[in-house]
Protein backbone atom coordinates (compact mmCIF):
# COMPACT_ATOMS: atom_id res chain seq x y z
CA MET A 1 0.45 -29.84 -11.41
CA ARG A 2 -0.28 -30.98 -7.88
CA ALA A 3 1.95 -31.47 -4.88
CA VAL A 4 1.77 -34.52 -2.63
CA LEU A 5 3.40 -33.05 0.45
CA SER A 6 0.35 -32.43 2.61
CA ILE A 7 0.87 -32.92 6.32
CA SER A 8 -2.24 -35.04 6.35
CA PRO A 9 -4.76 -35.89 3.63
CA ARG A 10 -7.51 -34.28 5.66
CA GLN A 11 -6.09 -31.83 8.15
CA SER A 12 -8.30 -31.11 11.13
CA PRO A 13 -9.88 -27.65 11.50
CA LEU A 14 -7.99 -27.22 14.78
CA ALA A 15 -4.63 -27.91 13.14
CA THR A 16 -5.48 -25.51 10.32
CA ALA A 17 -6.48 -22.84 12.83
CA LEU A 18 -3.20 -23.30 14.73
CA VAL A 19 -1.16 -22.94 11.53
CA ALA A 20 -3.09 -19.79 10.59
CA ALA A 21 -2.61 -18.40 14.12
CA ALA A 22 1.13 -19.03 13.90
CA ILE A 23 1.27 -17.14 10.59
CA VAL A 24 -0.64 -14.24 12.13
CA LEU A 25 1.65 -14.09 15.15
CA ALA A 26 4.88 -14.28 13.16
CA GLY A 27 3.59 -11.87 10.51
CA THR A 28 2.45 -9.32 13.09
CA LEU A 29 5.80 -9.40 14.88
CA LEU A 30 7.57 -8.87 11.56
CA TYR A 31 5.31 -6.31 9.88
CA ALA A 32 3.92 -4.24 12.76
CA THR A 33 7.17 -3.58 14.63
CA SER A 34 8.60 -0.04 14.86
CA LEU A 35 6.08 1.48 12.45
CA GLY A 36 6.82 4.93 13.87
CA TYR A 37 10.57 4.47 13.33
CA VAL A 38 10.76 3.13 9.76
CA PRO A 39 9.69 4.68 7.44
CA PRO A 40 11.18 7.70 9.22
CA TYR A 41 8.46 10.20 8.24
CA LEU A 42 4.92 10.18 6.95
CA ILE A 43 4.22 10.54 3.26
CA HIS A 44 1.74 13.36 2.72
CA ASP A 45 -0.75 10.85 1.26
CA GLU A 46 -0.49 8.83 4.47
CA ALA A 47 -1.19 11.94 6.52
CA GLN A 48 -4.24 12.86 4.47
CA GLY A 49 -5.57 9.31 4.47
CA ALA A 50 -5.17 9.18 8.25
CA LEU A 51 -6.98 12.52 8.60
CA GLN A 52 -9.90 11.26 6.52
CA ALA A 53 -10.02 8.05 8.55
CA HIS A 54 -9.92 10.00 11.82
CA ALA A 55 -12.78 12.18 10.65
CA ILE A 56 -14.86 9.11 9.77
CA ALA A 57 -13.99 7.39 13.05
CA THR A 58 -14.94 10.40 15.17
CA THR A 59 -17.81 12.02 13.26
CA GLY A 60 -18.91 9.64 10.50
CA ARG A 61 -18.16 12.40 8.00
CA ASP A 62 -15.14 13.11 5.82
CA LEU A 63 -13.04 16.28 5.92
CA SER A 64 -15.52 17.94 3.56
CA GLY A 65 -18.43 17.14 5.88
CA ARG A 66 -20.04 14.41 3.75
CA LEU A 67 -21.67 11.53 5.59
CA LEU A 68 -19.97 8.17 4.88
CA PRO A 69 -18.94 8.98 1.29
CA MET A 70 -17.95 6.39 -1.30
CA TYR A 71 -14.85 8.28 -2.46
CA PHE A 72 -12.93 10.88 -0.48
CA THR A 73 -12.43 13.75 -2.88
CA GLU A 74 -9.88 16.45 -2.07
CA PRO A 75 -8.75 19.70 -3.72
CA GLU A 76 -5.36 18.16 -4.56
CA PHE A 77 -6.91 14.95 -5.94
CA PRO A 78 -10.48 15.48 -7.19
CA PRO A 79 -11.14 11.81 -8.16
CA GLY A 80 -10.92 10.93 -4.48
CA ARG A 81 -9.27 8.33 -2.29
CA ASP A 82 -10.45 4.73 -2.42
CA PRO A 83 -12.88 3.76 0.34
CA VAL A 84 -11.50 0.42 1.64
CA MET A 85 -8.31 1.84 3.11
CA ILE A 86 -10.08 4.80 4.71
CA TYR A 87 -12.82 2.74 6.34
CA VAL A 88 -10.45 -0.02 7.50
CA THR A 89 -8.13 2.58 9.02
CA ALA A 90 -11.11 4.37 10.59
CA LEU A 91 -12.14 1.10 12.21
CA GLY A 92 -8.60 0.64 13.51
CA LEU A 93 -8.44 4.18 14.89
CA THR A 94 -11.44 3.49 17.09
CA VAL A 95 -9.08 1.43 19.28
CA LEU A 96 -5.60 2.57 18.20
CA PRO A 97 -3.96 5.87 19.14
CA PHE A 98 -3.87 8.55 16.47
CA SER A 99 -0.17 8.54 15.66
CA GLU A 100 2.12 7.56 12.83
CA ALA A 101 2.34 3.98 14.09
CA GLY A 102 -1.37 3.86 14.90
CA ALA A 103 -2.36 5.04 11.43
CA ARG A 104 -0.06 2.50 9.76
CA THR A 105 -1.02 -0.47 11.93
CA PRO A 106 -4.26 -1.38 10.07
CA THR A 107 -2.30 -1.56 6.80
CA ALA A 108 0.35 -3.73 8.45
CA LEU A 109 -2.41 -6.06 9.66
CA VAL A 110 -3.83 -6.19 6.11
CA ALA A 111 -0.36 -7.29 4.96
CA VAL A 112 -0.47 -10.03 7.62
CA LEU A 113 -3.91 -11.02 6.31
CA ASP A 114 -2.24 -11.40 2.90
CA LEU A 115 0.05 -14.04 4.40
CA VAL A 116 -2.86 -16.02 5.81
CA LEU A 117 -4.81 -15.83 2.56
CA MET A 118 -1.70 -16.86 0.62
CA PHE A 119 -1.41 -19.93 2.84
CA PHE A 120 -5.00 -20.98 2.18
CA ALA A 121 -4.87 -20.13 -1.54
CA ALA A 122 -1.59 -22.01 -2.13
CA ARG A 123 -2.72 -24.97 -0.03
CA ALA A 124 -5.85 -25.25 -2.17
CA LEU A 125 -4.00 -24.69 -5.44
CA PHE A 126 -1.19 -27.18 -4.80
CA GLN A 127 -3.13 -29.46 -2.41
CA SER A 128 -0.31 -29.26 0.11
CA THR A 129 -0.16 -27.70 3.54
CA TRP A 130 3.63 -27.52 3.28
CA MET A 131 3.42 -25.62 0.02
CA GLY A 132 0.85 -23.31 1.59
CA LEU A 133 3.39 -22.51 4.28
CA VAL A 134 6.17 -22.06 1.73
CA ALA A 135 4.02 -19.65 -0.29
CA ALA A 136 3.12 -17.64 2.83
CA ALA A 137 6.80 -17.46 3.77
CA LEU A 138 7.82 -16.37 0.27
CA LEU A 139 5.25 -13.57 0.39
CA ALA A 140 6.25 -12.51 3.91
CA LEU A 141 9.90 -12.29 2.84
CA THR A 142 9.24 -10.41 -0.40
CA PRO A 143 10.87 -6.97 0.03
CA ILE A 144 8.24 -4.90 -1.78
CA HIS A 145 5.36 -6.54 0.09
CA PHE A 146 7.13 -5.86 3.37
CA ILE A 147 7.88 -2.23 2.49
CA ARG A 148 4.36 -1.45 1.28
CA GLY A 149 2.88 -3.34 4.21
CA ARG A 150 4.29 -0.62 6.46
CA LEU A 151 2.90 2.36 4.53
CA MET A 152 -0.67 3.59 4.73
CA LEU A 153 -1.30 3.55 0.98
CA SER A 154 -4.28 2.03 -0.80
CA PRO A 155 -2.64 -0.19 -3.51
CA LEU A 156 -1.79 -2.89 -0.96
CA TYR A 157 -5.48 -3.21 -0.12
CA SER A 158 -6.17 -4.85 -3.49
CA ILE A 159 -3.99 -7.88 -2.66
CA PRO A 160 -6.29 -9.56 -0.07
CA PHE A 161 -9.14 -9.51 -2.59
CA VAL A 162 -6.95 -11.08 -5.28
CA LEU A 163 -5.82 -13.83 -2.91
CA ALA A 164 -9.35 -14.48 -1.62
CA TRP A 165 -10.51 -14.75 -5.24
CA LEU A 166 -7.76 -17.26 -6.08
CA TRP A 167 -8.57 -19.29 -2.98
CA SER A 168 -12.25 -19.40 -3.93
CA LEU A 169 -11.40 -20.25 -7.55
CA ALA A 170 -9.09 -23.08 -6.47
CA ARG A 171 -11.83 -24.53 -4.28
CA PHE A 172 -14.27 -24.18 -7.16
CA GLU A 173 -11.95 -26.14 -9.45
CA GLN A 174 -11.77 -28.94 -6.90
CA HIS A 175 -15.54 -29.09 -6.43
CA PRO A 176 -17.52 -26.84 -8.80
CA THR A 177 -20.59 -25.33 -7.17
CA ALA A 178 -22.56 -22.18 -7.86
CA ARG A 179 -21.80 -20.92 -4.34
CA ARG A 180 -18.03 -21.15 -4.82
CA PHE A 181 -18.24 -19.53 -8.23
CA VAL A 182 -20.30 -16.67 -6.82
CA ALA A 183 -17.82 -16.27 -3.95
CA ALA A 184 -14.95 -15.88 -6.43
CA CYS A 185 -16.90 -13.23 -8.33
CA VAL A 186 -17.85 -11.36 -5.15
CA TRP A 187 -14.23 -11.02 -4.04
CA LEU A 188 -13.41 -9.46 -7.40
CA VAL A 189 -16.19 -6.91 -7.34
CA LEU A 190 -15.44 -5.95 -3.73
CA GLY A 191 -11.81 -5.53 -4.74
CA MET A 192 -12.85 -2.80 -7.16
CA TYR A 193 -13.41 -0.57 -4.13
CA SER A 194 -9.83 -1.08 -2.91
CA TYR A 195 -7.77 0.83 -5.49
CA LEU A 196 -8.50 2.69 -8.71
CA ALA A 197 -6.39 0.34 -10.86
CA ALA A 198 -8.53 -2.56 -9.64
CA VAL A 199 -11.33 -1.21 -11.83
CA VAL A 200 -9.17 -2.31 -14.77
CA MET A 201 -7.71 -5.53 -13.35
CA MET A 202 -10.71 -7.09 -11.60
CA PRO A 203 -12.80 -7.35 -14.82
CA LEU A 204 -9.83 -9.13 -16.43
CA TYR A 205 -9.76 -11.57 -13.55
CA LEU A 206 -13.52 -11.99 -13.90
CA ALA A 207 -13.04 -13.01 -17.54
CA MET A 208 -10.49 -15.59 -16.38
CA THR A 209 -12.96 -16.85 -13.79
CA VAL A 210 -15.68 -17.33 -16.39
CA GLY A 211 -13.16 -19.18 -18.55
CA VAL A 212 -12.34 -21.57 -15.70
CA ALA A 213 -16.03 -22.14 -14.96
CA ALA A 214 -17.28 -22.36 -18.54
CA ARG A 215 -17.02 -26.16 -18.76
CA SER A 216 -18.55 -27.03 -15.42
CA MET A 217 -21.10 -24.30 -14.65
CA ARG A 218 -24.67 -24.18 -15.86
CA TRP A 219 -26.25 -21.00 -17.10
CA ARG A 220 -28.19 -20.66 -13.87
CA GLY A 221 -24.98 -20.38 -11.86
CA LEU A 222 -23.48 -17.90 -14.30
CA LEU A 223 -26.59 -15.73 -14.17
CA LEU A 224 -26.61 -15.85 -10.37
CA ALA A 225 -22.97 -14.72 -10.27
CA ALA A 226 -23.72 -11.93 -12.73
CA ALA A 227 -26.65 -10.76 -10.59
CA VAL A 228 -24.53 -10.72 -7.42
CA PHE A 229 -21.74 -8.91 -9.26
CA VAL A 230 -24.16 -6.19 -10.40
CA VAL A 231 -25.66 -5.81 -6.92
CA CYS A 232 -22.21 -5.36 -5.37
CA LEU A 233 -21.42 -2.70 -7.96
CA LEU A 234 -24.52 -0.65 -7.22
CA PRO A 235 -22.85 1.65 -4.64
CA MET A 236 -20.07 2.47 -7.12
CA ALA A 237 -22.56 2.95 -9.95
CA GLY A 238 -24.66 5.22 -7.74
CA TRP A 239 -21.62 7.37 -6.94
CA TYR A 240 -20.72 7.74 -10.61
CA LEU A 241 -24.30 8.66 -11.49
CA THR A 242 -24.40 11.37 -8.83
CA HIS A 243 -20.81 12.49 -9.53
CA PRO A 244 -20.47 12.25 -13.34
CA GLU A 245 -17.44 14.53 -13.27
CA ARG A 246 -15.30 11.76 -11.73
CA ASN A 247 -14.48 10.13 -15.07
CA ALA A 248 -13.07 13.38 -16.43
CA GLN A 249 -11.17 13.91 -13.18
CA ILE A 250 -9.57 10.46 -13.43
CA VAL A 251 -8.54 11.06 -17.05
CA SER A 252 -7.05 14.42 -16.09
CA ALA A 253 -5.31 13.18 -12.94
CA TYR A 254 -3.67 10.22 -14.67
CA GLN A 255 -3.24 11.88 -18.09
CA LEU A 256 -4.93 8.96 -19.83
CA ASP A 257 -4.88 9.01 -23.61
CA ALA A 258 -6.13 5.98 -25.52
CA ALA A 259 -4.25 7.01 -28.65
CA ALA A 260 -0.96 6.90 -26.77
CA VAL A 261 -1.41 3.45 -25.21
CA ALA A 262 -0.05 1.64 -28.27
CA SER A 263 3.12 3.72 -28.15
CA ARG A 264 3.64 2.74 -24.51
CA LEU A 265 3.94 -1.01 -25.04
CA GLY A 266 7.66 -0.76 -24.30
CA ILE A 267 6.68 0.03 -20.72
CA TYR A 268 5.31 -3.51 -20.44
CA TRP A 269 8.72 -5.04 -21.09
CA ARG A 270 10.48 -2.63 -18.76
CA PHE A 271 8.60 -4.17 -15.85
CA PHE A 272 10.32 -7.50 -16.54
CA ASP A 273 13.80 -5.98 -16.46
CA PRO A 274 15.76 -8.35 -14.14
CA ALA A 275 17.59 -5.42 -12.54
CA TYR A 276 14.25 -3.84 -11.59
CA LEU A 277 12.67 -7.06 -10.34
CA PHE A 278 15.59 -8.69 -8.52
CA VAL A 279 18.53 -6.30 -8.05
CA SER A 280 17.79 -2.63 -7.36
CA GLY A 281 14.01 -2.33 -7.29
CA ASP A 282 12.05 0.89 -7.58
CA PRO A 283 14.04 4.15 -8.02
CA SER A 284 12.17 5.71 -5.12
CA LEU A 285 13.50 5.02 -1.63
CA VAL A 286 9.90 5.03 -0.49
CA ASN A 287 9.53 1.65 -2.24
CA SER A 288 13.04 0.27 -2.11
CA THR A 289 16.31 0.25 -0.22
CA ARG A 290 18.07 0.15 -3.62
CA ALA A 291 20.05 -2.85 -2.25
CA SER A 292 17.29 -5.30 -3.19
CA GLY A 293 14.77 -5.74 -5.98
CA LEU A 294 11.03 -6.02 -5.69
CA PHE A 295 11.42 -9.77 -5.25
CA PRO A 296 14.18 -11.96 -3.78
CA TRP A 297 17.10 -12.96 -6.02
CA ALA A 298 15.90 -16.57 -5.89
CA PHE A 299 12.77 -15.54 -7.77
CA ALA A 300 14.96 -14.96 -10.84
CA ALA A 301 15.19 -18.76 -11.06
CA LEU A 302 11.86 -19.71 -9.51
CA LEU A 303 9.64 -17.50 -11.68
CA PRO A 304 10.67 -18.93 -15.07
CA ILE A 305 10.64 -22.48 -13.69
CA GLY A 306 7.21 -21.90 -12.18
CA LEU A 307 5.79 -20.28 -15.33
CA ILE A 308 6.95 -23.19 -17.50
CA ALA A 309 5.47 -25.70 -15.06
CA LEU A 310 2.17 -23.83 -14.88
CA PHE A 311 1.81 -23.59 -18.65
CA ARG A 312 2.75 -27.24 -19.15
CA SER A 313 0.15 -28.39 -16.66
CA ARG A 314 -2.64 -26.98 -18.88
CA SER A 315 -4.80 -26.75 -15.76
CA PRO A 316 -7.15 -23.74 -16.05
CA ILE A 317 -6.38 -22.47 -12.56
CA ASN A 318 -2.62 -22.79 -13.16
CA LEU A 319 -2.97 -20.84 -16.39
CA VAL A 320 -4.83 -18.15 -14.44
CA ILE A 321 -1.87 -17.80 -12.05
CA ALA A 322 0.61 -17.52 -14.90
CA ALA A 323 -1.57 -15.05 -16.81
CA GLY A 324 -2.12 -12.98 -13.67
CA PHE A 325 1.62 -12.43 -13.28
CA LEU A 326 2.17 -11.65 -16.96
CA LEU A 327 -0.73 -9.18 -17.06
CA ALA A 328 0.38 -7.25 -13.96
CA PRO A 329 1.94 -4.29 -15.86
CA ILE A 330 -1.20 -3.54 -17.91
CA VAL A 331 -2.26 -0.55 -15.81
CA SER A 332 1.24 0.89 -16.08
CA VAL A 333 0.98 0.64 -19.86
CA ILE A 334 -2.32 2.52 -19.74
CA SER A 335 -1.03 5.23 -17.41
CA GLY A 336 2.32 5.56 -19.18
CA ALA A 337 4.78 4.77 -16.39
CA ILE A 338 6.10 1.85 -14.36
CA GLU A 339 5.06 2.97 -10.89
CA MET A 340 4.96 0.72 -7.86
CA ASN A 341 1.35 1.59 -7.09
CA ARG A 342 0.25 0.21 -10.45
CA VAL A 343 2.21 -3.04 -10.42
CA MET A 344 1.24 -4.21 -6.93
CA PHE A 345 -0.97 -6.81 -8.60
CA ALA A 346 2.19 -8.73 -9.53
CA ILE A 347 2.95 -9.52 -5.89
CA PRO A 348 0.44 -12.32 -5.11
CA PHE A 349 0.89 -13.96 -8.50
CA ALA A 350 4.69 -13.84 -8.25
CA GLY A 351 4.50 -15.60 -4.88
CA LEU A 352 2.34 -18.36 -6.33
CA VAL A 353 4.46 -18.73 -9.48
CA ALA A 354 7.60 -18.99 -7.34
CA THR A 355 5.87 -21.64 -5.21
CA ALA A 356 5.04 -23.53 -8.40
CA GLY A 357 8.76 -23.42 -9.18
CA ILE A 358 9.54 -24.94 -5.77
CA VAL A 359 6.95 -27.67 -6.38
CA ARG A 360 8.41 -28.46 -9.79
CA LEU A 361 11.95 -28.74 -8.45
CA TRP A 362 10.95 -30.76 -5.41
CA HIS A 363 9.08 -33.35 -7.44
CA ALA A 364 11.78 -33.78 -10.06
CA ARG A 365 13.39 -37.21 -9.99
CA ALA A 366 16.93 -35.94 -9.58
CA LEU A 367 18.07 -35.42 -6.01
CA VAL A 368 19.95 -32.31 -7.08
CA SER A 369 16.64 -30.64 -7.95
CA LYS A 370 15.39 -31.14 -4.41
CA VAL A 371 18.64 -29.72 -3.06
CA ILE A 372 18.30 -26.69 -5.33
CA ALA A 373 14.71 -26.16 -4.18
CA GLY A 374 15.81 -26.18 -0.56
CA LEU A 375 18.75 -23.87 -1.22
CA LEU A 376 16.53 -21.36 -3.05
CA VAL A 377 14.10 -21.21 -0.12
CA VAL A 378 17.02 -20.74 2.29
CA ALA A 379 18.41 -18.03 -0.02
CA VAL A 380 15.13 -16.12 0.21
CA ALA A 381 15.30 -16.13 4.00
CA TRP A 382 19.01 -15.20 4.00
CA GLN A 383 18.52 -12.30 1.60
CA PHE A 384 15.54 -11.01 3.55
CA GLY A 385 17.71 -10.96 6.67
CA LEU A 386 20.20 -8.71 4.86
CA PHE A 387 17.39 -6.56 3.47
CA TYR A 388 15.68 -6.23 6.87
CA ARG A 389 18.91 -5.19 8.57
CA GLY A 390 19.45 -2.51 5.94
CA TYR A 391 15.83 -1.35 6.02
CA MET A 392 15.87 -0.89 9.79
CA SER A 393 19.27 0.82 9.78
CA GLU A 394 19.92 4.48 10.46
CA GLU A 395 21.61 4.63 7.06
CA TYR A 396 18.35 3.81 5.28
CA ARG A 397 16.37 6.21 7.46
CA LEU A 398 18.77 9.02 6.51
CA ALA A 399 18.68 8.12 2.82
CA ALA A 400 14.89 7.76 2.67
CA ALA A 401 14.09 10.95 4.62
CA PRO A 402 14.32 13.35 1.63
CA TRP A 403 11.88 11.15 -0.32
CA LEU A 404 9.21 11.58 2.35
CA SER A 405 7.16 14.73 2.70
CA GLY A 406 6.74 14.71 6.46
CA ASN A 407 10.21 15.95 7.32
CA ALA A 408 8.77 18.85 9.31
CA ARG A 409 7.38 16.46 11.93
CA ASP A 410 9.76 17.24 14.78
CA ALA A 411 9.54 20.97 14.09
CA LEU A 412 5.73 20.91 14.18
CA ARG A 413 5.76 18.89 17.39
CA GLU A 414 8.13 21.45 18.89
CA LEU A 415 5.82 24.25 17.74
CA ILE A 416 2.87 22.56 19.40
CA ALA A 417 4.83 22.17 22.63
CA ARG A 418 5.67 25.92 22.60
CA SER A 419 2.38 27.26 21.26
CA GLY A 420 0.20 27.68 24.35
CA ASP A 421 -2.75 29.81 23.22
CA ALA A 422 -0.69 32.05 20.95
CA ASP A 423 -1.52 32.83 17.33
CA ILE A 424 0.38 30.61 14.95
CA TYR A 425 1.82 31.45 11.53
CA ILE A 426 3.06 28.62 9.28
CA SER A 427 5.06 29.12 6.10
CA ARG A 428 3.69 27.55 2.92
CA ASP A 429 7.32 26.86 1.97
CA ILE A 430 6.97 23.71 4.09
CA ASP A 431 5.73 20.91 1.81
CA TRP A 432 2.14 19.78 2.42
CA VAL A 433 2.23 21.60 5.73
CA HIS A 434 -1.56 21.95 6.04
CA ARG A 435 -1.91 18.17 6.15
CA MET A 436 1.01 17.67 8.50
CA TRP A 437 -0.04 20.42 10.91
CA ARG A 438 -3.53 19.01 11.27
CA PHE A 439 -2.16 15.48 11.74
CA TYR A 440 0.26 16.40 14.55
CA ALA A 441 -2.25 18.75 16.19
CA ILE A 442 -4.69 15.84 16.47
CA GLU A 443 -1.90 13.54 17.66
CA ALA A 444 -1.12 16.00 20.47
CA GLY A 445 -4.78 16.55 21.35
CA ARG A 446 -4.52 20.20 20.26
CA LEU A 447 -7.04 20.41 17.45
CA ASP A 448 -7.97 23.80 18.93
CA LEU A 449 -4.73 25.21 17.47
CA LEU A 450 -6.21 25.08 13.97
CA SER A 451 -8.67 27.87 14.76
CA HIS A 452 -5.87 30.40 15.26
CA THR A 453 -3.43 29.18 12.63
CA THR A 454 -2.58 31.27 9.56
CA TYR A 455 -0.65 29.93 6.55
CA PHE A 456 1.40 32.53 4.75
CA SER A 457 3.36 32.91 1.55
CA ASP A 458 4.51 36.48 2.16
CA PRO A 459 5.81 37.36 5.63
CA PRO A 460 2.96 38.57 7.89
CA ALA A 461 3.06 42.35 8.21
CA THR A 462 1.41 42.38 11.61
CA ALA A 463 1.06 39.87 14.41
CA ALA A 464 0.23 39.98 18.11
CA THR A 465 3.03 39.91 20.63
CA GLY A 466 3.83 36.32 21.59
CA ALA A 467 2.68 34.87 18.28
CA ARG A 468 4.63 31.84 17.06
CA LEU A 469 5.87 31.34 13.52
CA ILE A 470 7.59 28.44 11.76
CA CYS A 471 9.49 28.53 8.47
CA PRO A 472 12.39 26.78 6.71
CA ALA A 473 15.71 28.30 7.79
CA GLU A 474 16.93 28.57 4.20
CA SER A 475 13.89 30.54 3.08
CA ALA A 476 14.49 34.18 2.12
CA ARG A 477 11.17 35.07 3.74
CA CYS A 478 12.33 33.48 6.97
CA SER A 479 15.57 35.46 6.89
CA ALA A 480 13.60 38.67 6.34
CA LEU A 481 11.50 37.98 9.41
CA GLN A 482 14.54 37.35 11.59
CA SER A 483 16.32 40.48 10.38
CA SER A 484 13.23 42.66 10.88
CA GLY A 485 13.80 42.80 14.63
CA ALA A 486 10.13 42.03 15.28
CA TRP A 487 10.71 38.30 15.68
CA HIS A 488 13.31 36.42 17.67
CA GLU A 489 14.43 32.87 17.24
CA MET A 490 13.17 30.39 19.82
CA VAL A 491 14.66 27.17 18.47
CA ARG A 492 16.03 25.51 15.35
CA VAL A 493 14.87 21.98 14.57
CA PRO A 494 16.79 19.94 11.99
CA SER A 495 15.14 17.17 10.03
CA LEU A 496 16.69 13.71 10.01
CA GLY A 497 20.22 13.96 8.71
CA GLY A 498 20.08 17.75 8.76
CA ALA A 499 18.84 18.00 5.17
CA ARG A 500 16.45 20.76 6.22
CA VAL A 501 16.34 23.01 9.26
CA PHE A 502 13.19 24.68 10.53
CA VAL A 503 13.10 27.80 12.66
CA ILE A 504 10.46 28.66 15.24
CA LEU A 505 10.16 32.40 15.89
CA GLU A 506 8.31 34.42 18.51
CA ARG A 507 6.82 37.89 17.94
CA THR A 508 8.44 40.32 20.32
CA ALA A 509 6.98 43.67 19.16
CA ALA A 510 3.29 44.45 19.34
CA GLU A 511 3.16 45.53 15.70
CA LYS A 512 5.89 46.34 13.23
CA LYS A 513 5.96 46.61 9.47
CA ILE A 514 8.34 44.21 7.75
CA GLY A 515 10.11 45.30 4.60
């Protein structure tokens, strides 16, 4: 299935560069705007990822003191964070301010890169510049891609590698060469460093790649690709050899059980629930506004039309696109739950399948099919406008706030502003407070505060006069401190919507036992 809508049979490099630049500009304006406003707070994983990236950017070592590690292991997550996100963010933080928006900006720019790669991949697949632009627009206006493009989380980082692979594979199908085949394989192996689930999905895509190349490649090219693949895997293999405990840590962290996989096959079908895909989306307000699905409503028509067209074409590359979408929930089946992190692989394939649906409708003989194709594209833009207005609204910020773990932000900033050189006591009743406190101390340029900070579970029995303390207002321990007479309230700081209130106290007596 090929389109015949190209702007010119052989578009000049300058024209291509201008189109790509326009996509970058429009995508950046859309994705990188108000990153410190929505989402309203940091997720604790964002804070920790930013801290690791800041440590790499400033010292070349992670928070544990290891020089340029492969994986960023932590007490709360022993398998470790994936390296691509940390190193890309570290590179960004060499020029960006350390702030919520600054930490999220590199991920937003990766999402913009997705749009450019989608343009090139779709243009090569459908041999049409117009369809390349349509595919890039469909991806840009996909709610879940937009939402995750504004969060500093590693699953999104797998998408550029998938799109680069598809672009290389499409070019290989047009003109098979060993270099293009090797390029496709290299993108896959590099993608294995982007997100843990990619270790499962990228080998599947490699098998598809070999299937596409089997008829046209000689053994020499296949062996060359295999050699390059192995070389690119050496850093990962070296890490596993020197850290053999990681496999057990992954199994424990994700509760993997091979015997239970067969009983989880129902999870596969749950992913394709129309309500989940097109109506309400993910249950978590981190990943959804609950007023829109993962994909636009129009995809409910475009995906089946596109899948049928792709399968009927019998073209190997088209079958790869269809199979890629249908295989997207595999990692969720293995892990035992439909979670957004593990189905991110559906996003690039869904965009291409939907574009195939547009192509099929546009090239149908009936005029009504062309009208429907145009209306569906307009519907995507119209729905995204409604979604965007809701996403940027105060209503969504209030609703999403309880789902995010950084709701102590304003209180911690207030504590920093009032701290001076005083000793600081922070209640462990504040979720993930050790990550958040370090993040906002760095943001304020007060990393020195960490050296005289004490985290407590039980109220501190003694403290120097002038010491500062922060705790949740509803905490019984906080009430005990206030009623002891040794601490007086300086200020109360509510979180967004007033769901939680934090109290900052000052020690007024030199030393007093607290019952």
